[in-house]
């Protein structure tokens, strides 16, 4: 199974390399190409924003649950650590979700 995956990946790379070699990356993008790209990207961004805001709302509820768990943990250190780690993972997830467009824009140029 692993060998088949390696062979498939190698075949894909060998098929893509000639195409990439033929593309002139220094050529400026035409206005028509930019308009087409923006038209394609528009629904993708709408879906991304929908998912981002739904995930943010869910994260708020999870943070509330983590806070309640922390308050009611009493003297049990395991429950307290679980609540802290839950809050930490939610915050890390929110940072990733909200920072992704800035990272992509930075990488693209």
Protein backbone atom coordinates (compact mmCIF):
# COMPACT_ATOMS: atom_id res chain seq x y z
CA UNK A 1 0.00 0.00 0.00
CA UNK A 2 2.80 2.38 0.90
CA UNK A 3 4.64 1.63 -2.32
CA UNK A 4 1.49 2.39 -4.33
CA UNK A 5 1.20 5.75 -2.59
CA UNK A 6 4.82 6.59 -3.36
CA UNK A 7 4.36 5.57 -7.00
CA UNK A 8 1.20 7.67 -7.27
CA UNK A 9 2.92 10.69 -5.72
CA UNK A 10 5.91 10.29 -8.05
CA UNK A 11 3.63 10.02 -11.10
CA UNK A 12 1.78 13.15 -10.02
CA UNK A 13 5.02 15.08 -9.56
CA UNK A 14 6.33 13.93 -12.93
CA UNK A 15 3.07 15.00 -14.59
CA UNK A 16 3.06 18.45 -12.97
CA UNK A 17 6.73 19.40 -13.47
CA UNK A 18 6.54 19.93 -17.26
CA UNK A 19 3.44 22.08 -16.86
CA UNK A 20 5.11 24.25 -14.23
CA UNK A 21 8.25 24.54 -16.35
CA UNK A 22 6.20 25.94 -19.24
CA UNK A 23 4.55 28.66 -17.13
CA UNK A 24 6.12 32.11 -17.11
CA UNK A 25 5.76 33.29 -13.51
CA UNK A 26 7.25 36.72 -14.23
CA UNK A 27 4.43 37.61 -16.61
CA UNK A 28 2.02 40.15 -15.06
CA UNK A 29 -1.59 39.11 -14.54
CA UNK A 30 -3.99 40.67 -17.02
CA UNK A 31 -7.06 42.57 -15.83
CA UNK A 32 -9.33 39.93 -17.33
CA UNK A 33 -7.49 37.12 -15.51
CA UNK A 34 -7.66 39.09 -12.26
CA UNK A 35 -11.41 39.66 -12.71
CA UNK A 36 -11.95 35.95 -13.39
CA UNK A 37 -9.92 35.01 -10.33
CA UNK A 38 -11.87 37.46 -8.17
CA UNK A 39 -15.14 36.06 -9.50
CA UNK A 40 -14.06 32.52 -8.61
CA UNK A 41 -12.75 33.58 -5.21
CA UNK A 42 -15.90 35.45 -4.17
CA UNK A 43 -18.03 32.39 -3.21
CA UNK A 44 -15.01 30.76 -1.59
CA UNK A 45 -14.55 33.79 0.65
CA UNK A 46 -18.26 33.82 1.52
CA UNK A 47 -18.05 30.20 2.63
CA UNK A 48 -14.84 30.90 4.56
CA UNK A 49 -16.43 33.85 6.36
CA UNK A 50 -19.52 31.79 7.22
CA UNK A 51 -17.38 29.00 8.64
CA UNK A 52 -15.20 31.52 10.49
CA UNK A 53 -18.14 33.18 12.23
CA UNK A 54 -19.87 29.90 13.07
CA UNK A 55 -16.60 28.54 14.50
CA UNK A 56 -16.18 31.73 16.52
CA UNK A 57 -19.68 31.38 17.99
CA UNK A 58 -19.03 27.72 18.86
CA UNK A 59 -15.66 28.68 20.36
CA UNK A 60 -17.39 31.25 22.57
CA UNK A 61 -19.73 28.57 23.90
CA UNK A 62 -16.81 26.18 24.46
CA UNK A 63 -14.88 28.90 26.31
CA UNK A 64 -17.93 29.47 28.49
CA UNK A 65 -18.10 25.74 29.24
CA UNK A 66 -14.36 25.69 30.01
CA UNK A 67 -14.79 28.62 32.40
CA UNK A 68 -17.69 26.92 34.17
CA UNK A 69 -15.69 23.69 34.42
CA UNK A 70 -12.78 25.66 35.88
CA UNK A 71 -15.01 27.37 38.45
CA UNK A 72 -16.61 24.10 39.54
CA UNK A 73 -13.38 22.09 39.56
CA UNK A 74 -12.92 22.77 43.26
CA UNK A 75 -9.72 21.26 44.55
CA UNK A 76 -9.44 18.64 41.79
CA UNK A 77 -6.27 19.54 39.85
CA UNK A 78 -7.11 17.19 36.95
CA UNK A 79 -10.43 18.95 36.24
CA UNK A 80 -8.73 22.33 36.53
CA UNK A 81 -6.00 21.36 34.04
CA UNK A 82 -8.60 19.93 31.63
CA UNK A 83 -10.51 23.23 31.72
CA UNK A 84 -7.30 25.21 31.16
CA UNK A 85 -6.23 23.05 28.23
CA UNK A 86 -9.72 23.26 26.70
CA UNK A 87 -9.60 27.06 26.83
CA UNK A 88 -6.05 27.10 25.47
CA UNK A 89 -6.95 24.90 22.48
CA UNK A 90 -10.01 27.00 21.71
CA UNK A 91 -7.94 30.19 21.74
CA UNK A 92 -5.26 28.61 19.54
CA UNK A 93 -7.97 27.48 17.10
CA UNK A 94 -9.46 30.98 16.99
CA UNK A 95 -6.06 32.50 16.32
CA UNK A 96 -5.49 30.07 13.46
CA UNK A 97 -8.94 30.68 11.95
CA UNK A 98 -8.72 34.46 12.15
CA UNK A 99 -5.03 34.77 11.15
CA UNK A 100 -5.18 32.53 8.09
CA UNK A 101 -6.15 35.27 5.57
CA UNK A 102 -3.32 37.50 6.80
CA UNK A 103 -0.79 34.67 6.53
CA UNK A 104 -1.96 33.79 3.02
CA UNK A 105 -1.84 37.44 1.95
CA UNK A 106 1.66 37.75 3.41
CA UNK A 107 2.88 34.61 1.62
CA UNK A 108 1.35 35.55 -1.71
CA UNK A 109 2.78 39.00 -1.67
